[in-house]
Amino acid sequence: MGWWQVNADTLAGSRFVISPLAETFASLKALHAGAATHPGERAWLRAHLPAYRKRLAADPVTALLIRSGLGRDWIADFLTPTPYGDETFEDEVARVREASPEDARAHLALSLRGGPLPHELADRDDLPARAAGLLTSVWEESVRPYWDRRRRILEADVVARTAQLSQGGWAAALDALRPGTRWLGGNRLQVNPHEYPPREISGAELLFVPVTPKAGWVSWEDGVRYAVVYPCSGVLADAGARAVVPESLGALLGTARAGVLVLLDSPLSTSQLVAVTGQGLGSVGRHLKVLLDARLVERRRAGRSVLYSRTAAGEVLVTAQRV
């Protein structure tokens, strides 16, 4: 298994950040796989997969570059520069474009398990520019139109993870991050299930980066910055999801209001609840006011959003009705 040695100061100073480029690369992976992991993604693929495939069919060199760079167990590092946080997509993709051709070819060879590069890529110096061009196309056509909503989902996930951290500590927060990631004890963070040599990262910056597609990877700038990219959780990661309301809870609160309470497994904003429930803004607002007054939910600000989550009393009520 791959693991990192992390001292207490590095872990305490770690932070969650949102990266437009990570979201775009995760979306590129979803497009390349062409298989939806939930109903909301299925609709997105129907809308954007034909154009993606058409672009690659017209550009076989870039198609081969991406196939090689995604690899089987290892992604070519120059495709996934480590996020800094608080960057625009343009800032981030510039680092892909500015990678040296020699590094790009070396990273591609590593993603191909050290095998020789296909001859179509072996002598090309435009590989970073081609990768940046494809990522920019995916961002402009398939991610940016949805970015406001996706960013709210990611912000909600960060709030939920932070709450989980405060309640259960690092072991609970990291064990639930993504398959293959868990706290091993002894200052060891397992980042994937693969048999890679351990890395000593104490003293460096450690970042956790959520994305909405079901994707994950790690990246780093040796000795400076390390990142774990993970798929966010919560009902909004699946645009087709709906709350399952226990009959007894619906009878107690009313089905619509109980549905709002049940959905708050992860913190959500009013607009997110409107999107998921299909109820009007006024109805959702009234339900939230009643739940706030009853101290079954609480609210807190995350960036530009106000997010609602269940209180301990709300959690007890929902959990008891699910039994």
Protein backbone atom coordinates (compact mmCIF):
# COMPACT_ATOMS: atom_id res chain seq x y z
CA MET A 1 0.00 0.00 0.00
CA GLY A 2 1.09 3.60 -0.56
CA TRP A 3 1.44 5.70 2.60
CA TRP A 4 2.87 9.01 3.75
CA GLN A 5 4.66 9.73 7.01
CA VAL A 6 2.93 12.77 8.50
CA ASN A 7 3.92 14.44 11.75
CA ALA A 8 1.45 16.12 14.09
CA ASP A 9 2.29 19.67 12.96
CA THR A 10 1.76 18.84 9.28
CA LEU A 11 -1.56 17.16 10.01
CA ALA A 12 -2.72 20.01 12.24
CA GLY A 13 -1.82 22.55 9.55
CA SER A 14 -3.51 20.68 6.71
CA ARG A 15 -6.49 22.23 4.97
CA PHE A 16 -9.27 21.57 2.50
CA VAL A 17 -9.16 23.52 -0.78
CA ILE A 18 -11.29 23.65 -3.92
CA SER A 19 -9.58 23.38 -7.30
CA PRO A 20 -11.28 24.11 -10.65
CA LEU A 21 -8.53 22.16 -12.44
CA ALA A 22 -8.96 19.10 -10.21
CA GLU A 23 -12.70 19.21 -10.91
CA THR A 24 -11.95 19.48 -14.63
CA PHE A 25 -9.47 16.61 -14.66
CA ALA A 26 -11.92 14.43 -12.71
CA SER A 27 -14.56 15.32 -15.31
CA LEU A 28 -12.14 14.45 -18.11
CA LYS A 29 -11.61 11.05 -16.48
CA ALA A 30 -15.39 10.55 -16.35
CA LEU A 31 -15.71 11.51 -20.01
CA HIS A 32 -12.86 9.21 -20.97
CA ALA A 33 -14.40 6.28 -19.10
CA GLY A 34 -17.78 7.04 -20.64
CA ALA A 35 -19.66 5.22 -17.87
CA ALA A 36 -21.90 7.04 -15.39
CA THR A 37 -21.67 6.31 -11.67
CA HIS A 38 -25.06 7.87 -10.81
CA PRO A 39 -28.15 9.22 -12.63
CA GLY A 40 -27.05 12.85 -12.55
CA GLU A 41 -23.76 11.98 -14.18
CA ARG A 42 -25.58 9.94 -16.82
CA ALA A 43 -27.45 13.05 -17.99
CA TRP A 44 -24.21 15.06 -18.02
CA LEU A 45 -22.47 12.39 -20.09
CA ARG A 46 -25.31 12.32 -22.60
CA ALA A 47 -24.89 16.05 -23.04
CA HIS A 48 -21.09 16.19 -23.33
CA LEU A 49 -19.63 12.80 -24.27
CA PRO A 50 -20.34 13.07 -28.04
CA ALA A 51 -18.39 16.34 -28.37
CA TYR A 52 -15.50 14.97 -26.30
CA ARG A 53 -15.22 11.86 -28.43
CA LYS A 54 -15.51 13.89 -31.61
CA ARG A 55 -12.64 16.14 -30.50
CA LEU A 56 -10.35 13.19 -29.75
CA ALA A 57 -11.28 11.42 -32.97
CA ALA A 58 -10.15 14.52 -34.85
CA ASP A 59 -6.89 14.71 -32.88
CA PRO A 60 -5.39 11.22 -32.52
CA VAL A 61 -2.14 12.52 -30.98
CA THR A 62 -3.99 14.16 -28.08
CA ALA A 63 -6.21 11.07 -27.76
CA LEU A 64 -3.10 8.89 -27.42
CA LEU A 65 -1.57 11.38 -24.98
CA ILE A 66 -4.59 11.18 -22.68
CA ARG A 67 -4.86 7.40 -22.90
CA SER A 68 -1.19 7.13 -21.99
CA GLY A 69 -1.38 9.77 -19.26
CA LEU A 70 -4.29 8.18 -17.46
CA GLY A 71 -2.39 4.90 -17.24
CA ARG A 72 -3.71 2.01 -15.19
CA ASP A 73 -2.39 2.70 -11.67
CA TRP A 74 -0.50 5.97 -12.14
CA ILE A 75 -1.51 9.30 -13.69
CA ALA A 76 1.18 11.29 -15.51
CA ASP A 77 2.14 13.89 -12.92
CA PHE A 78 2.23 16.92 -15.23
CA LEU A 79 -1.51 16.50 -15.88
CA THR A 80 -2.39 17.03 -12.20
CA PRO A 81 -0.29 19.84 -10.69
CA THR A 82 -0.80 20.11 -6.96
CA PRO A 83 -3.43 22.76 -6.10
CA TYR A 84 -2.42 25.81 -4.11
CA GLY A 85 -5.96 26.87 -3.17
CA ASP A 86 -7.70 30.12 -4.17
CA GLU A 87 -6.58 29.83 -7.80
CA THR A 88 -8.56 30.30 -10.98
CA PHE A 89 -8.73 27.57 -13.60
CA GLU A 90 -6.53 29.71 -15.84
CA ASP A 91 -3.84 29.96 -13.15
CA GLU A 92 -3.87 26.22 -12.61
CA VAL A 93 -3.91 25.10 -16.24
CA ALA A 94 -1.01 27.44 -16.96
CA ARG A 95 1.15 25.12 -14.86
CA VAL A 96 0.18 22.19 -17.10
CA ARG A 97 1.05 24.24 -20.18
CA GLU A 98 4.38 25.34 -18.71
CA ALA A 99 5.59 21.82 -17.86
CA SER A 100 8.79 20.96 -19.70
CA PRO A 101 8.44 18.55 -22.66
CA GLU A 102 11.12 16.34 -21.10
CA ASP A 103 9.15 16.07 -17.84
CA ALA A 104 5.94 15.39 -19.72
CA ARG A 105 7.50 12.52 -21.65
CA ALA A 106 9.09 11.10 -18.49
CA HIS A 107 5.78 11.26 -16.62
CA LEU A 108 3.97 9.57 -19.50
CA ALA A 109 6.55 6.78 -19.55
CA LEU A 110 5.99 6.27 -15.81
CA SER A 111 2.21 6.10 -16.26
CA LEU A 112 2.87 3.39 -18.87
CA ARG A 113 4.73 1.45 -16.16
CA GLY A 114 8.13 2.44 -17.46
CA GLY A 115 7.50 1.10 -20.93
CA PRO A 116 8.54 2.96 -24.07
CA LEU A 117 6.40 5.85 -25.21
CA PRO A 118 4.37 5.28 -28.37
CA HIS A 119 6.43 6.60 -31.28
CA GLU A 120 3.74 9.22 -31.98
CA LEU A 121 4.61 10.87 -28.62
CA ALA A 122 8.29 10.08 -28.23
CA ASP A 123 9.77 13.14 -29.92
CA ARG A 124 7.02 15.72 -29.46
CA ASP A 125 7.60 18.94 -27.54
CA ASP A 126 3.97 20.09 -27.67
CA LEU A 127 2.54 17.53 -25.24
CA PRO A 128 2.00 20.01 -22.33
CA ALA A 129 0.28 22.46 -24.69
CA ARG A 130 -1.96 19.71 -26.08
CA ALA A 131 -2.92 18.54 -22.58
CA ALA A 132 -3.66 22.11 -21.46
CA GLY A 133 -5.75 22.66 -24.59
CA LEU A 134 -7.88 19.58 -23.94
CA LEU A 135 -8.34 20.46 -20.26
CA THR A 136 -9.37 23.99 -21.24
CA SER A 137 -11.91 22.58 -23.69
CA VAL A 138 -13.39 20.30 -21.02
CA TRP A 139 -13.53 23.21 -18.56
CA GLU A 140 -15.19 25.61 -20.98
CA GLU A 141 -17.72 23.19 -22.43
CA SER A 142 -18.43 20.63 -19.71
CA VAL A 143 -17.54 22.08 -16.30
CA ARG A 144 -17.79 25.87 -16.22
CA PRO A 145 -21.52 25.93 -17.14
CA TYR A 146 -22.12 23.94 -13.92
CA TRP A 147 -19.36 25.44 -11.80
CA ASP A 148 -21.48 27.59 -9.48
CA ARG A 149 -23.54 24.57 -8.44
CA ARG A 150 -20.53 22.26 -8.23
CA ARG A 151 -18.63 24.75 -6.12
CA ARG A 152 -21.52 24.87 -3.64
CA ILE A 153 -21.47 21.07 -3.48
CA LEU A 154 -17.75 21.10 -2.79
CA GLU A 155 -18.11 23.79 -0.13
CA ALA A 156 -20.80 21.71 1.56
CA ASP A 157 -18.52 18.68 1.55
CA VAL A 158 -15.71 20.68 3.15
CA VAL A 159 -18.05 21.83 5.93
CA ALA A 160 -19.21 18.25 6.48
CA ARG A 161 -15.63 16.93 6.62
CA THR A 162 -14.63 19.68 9.03
CA ALA A 163 -17.54 18.79 11.31
CA GLN A 164 -16.60 15.10 11.10
CA LEU A 165 -13.04 16.02 12.02
CA SER A 166 -14.14 18.00 15.08
CA GLN A 167 -16.44 15.19 16.24
CA GLY A 168 -14.35 12.09 15.53
CA GLY A 169 -10.77 13.27 15.00
CA TRP A 170 -8.45 12.66 12.09
CA ALA A 171 -8.90 8.88 12.03
CA ALA A 172 -12.66 9.21 11.45
CA ALA A 173 -12.28 11.98 8.87
CA LEU A 174 -9.55 10.25 6.87
CA ASP A 175 -11.03 6.75 6.99
CA ALA A 176 -14.19 8.09 5.35
CA LEU A 177 -12.36 10.13 2.70
CA ARG A 178 -12.19 7.59 -0.15
CA PRO A 179 -11.53 3.86 -0.64
CA GLY A 180 -7.88 3.09 0.03
CA THR A 181 -7.34 6.12 2.26
CA ARG A 182 -7.16 5.66 6.02
CA TRP A 183 -5.19 6.62 9.09
CA LEU A 184 -2.83 3.77 10.00
CA GLY A 185 -1.56 5.20 13.28
CA GLY A 186 2.07 5.89 14.02
CA ASN A 187 1.89 9.10 11.96
CA ARG A 188 1.13 7.10 8.81
CA LEU A 189 -1.52 8.13 6.29
CA GLN A 190 -2.42 5.47 3.71
CA VAL A 191 -3.28 7.30 0.48
CA ASN A 192 -4.01 4.36 -1.82
CA PRO A 193 -3.96 0.55 -1.83
CA HIS A 194 -1.04 0.25 -4.26
CA GLU A 195 2.41 -1.01 -3.29
CA TYR A 196 4.39 2.21 -3.62
CA PRO A 197 7.34 3.29 -1.43
CA PRO A 198 6.36 5.44 1.58
CA ARG A 199 7.01 9.19 1.48
CA GLU A 200 8.14 11.40 4.34
CA ILE A 201 6.07 14.58 4.07
CA SER A 202 6.48 16.03 7.56
CA GLY A 203 7.03 19.77 7.36
CA ALA A 204 5.32 20.11 3.98
CA GLU A 205 1.83 21.46 3.29
CA LEU A 206 -0.91 18.81 3.17
CA LEU A 207 -4.10 19.53 1.22
CA PHE A 208 -7.38 17.66 0.78
CA VAL A 209 -9.26 18.45 -2.44
CA PRO A 210 -12.86 17.33 -3.11
CA VAL A 211 -14.24 16.76 -6.62
CA THR A 212 -17.80 15.89 -7.62
CA PRO A 213 -17.08 12.98 -10.04
CA LYS A 214 -16.25 9.64 -8.47
CA ALA A 215 -12.51 10.04 -8.93
CA GLY A 216 -9.44 10.37 -6.76
CA TRP A 217 -5.67 10.63 -6.96
CA VAL A 218 -2.68 12.11 -5.16
CA SER A 219 -0.19 14.74 -6.32
CA TRP A 220 2.80 16.53 -4.86
CA GLU A 221 5.66 18.95 -5.18
CA ASP A 222 8.36 17.05 -3.33
CA GLY A 223 9.11 18.46 0.09
CA VAL A 224 6.74 21.41 -0.39
CA ARG A 225 3.11 20.46 -0.96
CA TYR A 226 1.09 17.22 -1.10
CA ALA A 227 -2.57 16.75 -2.02
CA VAL A 228 -5.16 13.99 -1.71
CA VAL A 229 -8.00 14.43 -4.22
CA TYR A 230 -11.17 12.61 -3.22
CA PRO A 231 -14.80 12.29 -4.41
CA CYS A 232 -17.16 14.41 -2.36
CA SER A 233 -20.03 12.82 -0.53
CA GLY A 234 -23.60 13.88 0.05
CA VAL A 235 -26.87 13.79 -1.78
CA LEU A 236 -25.93 16.59 -4.17
CA ALA A 237 -23.14 14.51 -5.71
CA ASP A 238 -26.02 12.62 -7.35
CA ALA A 239 -28.35 15.09 -9.05
CA GLY A 240 -31.00 12.39 -9.31
CA ALA A 241 -31.07 11.55 -5.62
CA ARG A 242 -34.10 12.00 -3.39
CA ALA A 243 -34.57 11.63 0.33
CA VAL A 244 -36.10 8.44 1.69
CA VAL A 245 -38.42 9.67 4.44
CA PRO A 246 -39.46 7.17 7.15
CA GLU A 247 -43.25 7.03 7.32
CA SER A 248 -43.33 7.80 11.05
CA LEU A 249 -41.10 10.86 10.61
CA GLY A 250 -43.30 12.10 7.78
CA ALA A 251 -46.36 11.75 9.96
CA LEU A 252 -44.65 13.70 12.73
CA LEU A 253 -43.25 16.62 10.73
CA GLY A 254 -45.05 16.42 7.41
CA THR A 255 -43.48 14.59 4.47
CA ALA A 256 -41.98 17.64 2.77
CA ARG A 257 -40.45 19.08 5.95
CA ALA A 258 -39.18 15.67 7.03
CA GLY A 259 -37.59 15.27 3.61
CA VAL A 260 -35.60 18.46 4.14
CA LEU A 261 -34.39 17.21 7.53
CA VAL A 262 -33.41 13.81 6.13
CA LEU A 263 -31.43 15.40 3.28
CA LEU A 264 -29.20 17.21 5.74
CA ASP A 265 -26.91 14.21 6.22
CA SER A 266 -24.45 16.67 4.64
CA PRO A 267 -24.68 20.46 5.02
CA LEU A 268 -26.69 22.05 2.19
CA SER A 269 -27.72 25.55 1.19
CA THR A 270 -31.29 26.67 0.53
CA SER A 271 -30.70 26.66 -3.22
CA GLN A 272 -29.24 23.16 -3.06
CA LEU A 273 -32.29 21.93 -1.13
CA VAL A 274 -34.55 23.51 -3.76
CA ALA A 275 -32.62 21.71 -6.50
CA VAL A 276 -32.81 18.33 -4.80
CA THR A 277 -36.35 18.42 -3.43
CA GLY A 278 -38.07 20.12 -6.35
CA GLN A 279 -39.91 22.33 -3.84
CA GLY A 280 -40.12 26.09 -4.30
CA LEU A 281 -37.72 28.48 -2.60
CA GLY A 282 -40.47 29.80 -0.32
CA SER A 283 -41.51 26.33 0.79
CA VAL A 284 -37.96 25.26 1.58
CA GLY A 285 -37.38 28.51 3.46
CA ARG A 286 -40.48 27.96 5.59
CA HIS A 287 -39.45 24.38 6.38
CA LEU A 288 -35.99 25.52 7.41
CA LYS A 289 -37.40 28.24 9.66
CA VAL A 290 -39.61 25.73 11.49
CA LEU A 291 -36.69 23.30 11.84
CA LEU A 292 -34.41 26.10 13.07
CA ASP A 293 -36.98 27.25 15.61
CA ALA A 294 -37.31 23.65 16.82
CA ARG A 295 -33.49 23.45 17.06
CA LEU A 296 -33.42 20.44 14.76
CA VAL A 297 -31.11 22.21 12.30
CA GLU A 298 -28.44 24.90 12.52
CA ARG A 299 -26.81 27.16 9.98
CA ARG A 300 -23.29 28.42 9.32
CA ARG A 301 -21.55 30.36 6.58
CA ALA A 302 -19.12 28.67 4.14
CA GLY A 303 -17.64 31.09 1.64
CA ARG A 304 -20.54 32.76 -0.14
CA SER A 305 -23.09 30.17 0.97
CA VAL A 306 -25.15 29.68 4.14
CA LEU A 307 -25.30 25.96 4.85
CA TYR A 308 -27.82 24.09 7.00
CA SER A 309 -27.08 20.90 8.90
CA ARG A 310 -28.81 18.78 11.52
CA THR A 311 -28.19 19.46 15.19
CA ALA A 312 -27.63 16.64 17.66
CA ALA A 313 -31.37 16.69 18.38
CA GLY A 314 -32.19 16.48 14.68
CA GLU A 315 -29.75 13.63 14.27
CA VAL A 316 -31.35 11.69 17.13
CA LEU A 317 -34.80 12.23 15.65
CA VAL A 318 -33.86 11.05 12.15
CA THR A 319 -31.79 8.11 13.40
CA ALA A 320 -34.52 6.93 15.75
CA GLN A 321 -37.11 6.93 12.96
CA ARG A 322 -34.80 4.95 10.67
CA VAL A 323 -34.45 2.08 13.13
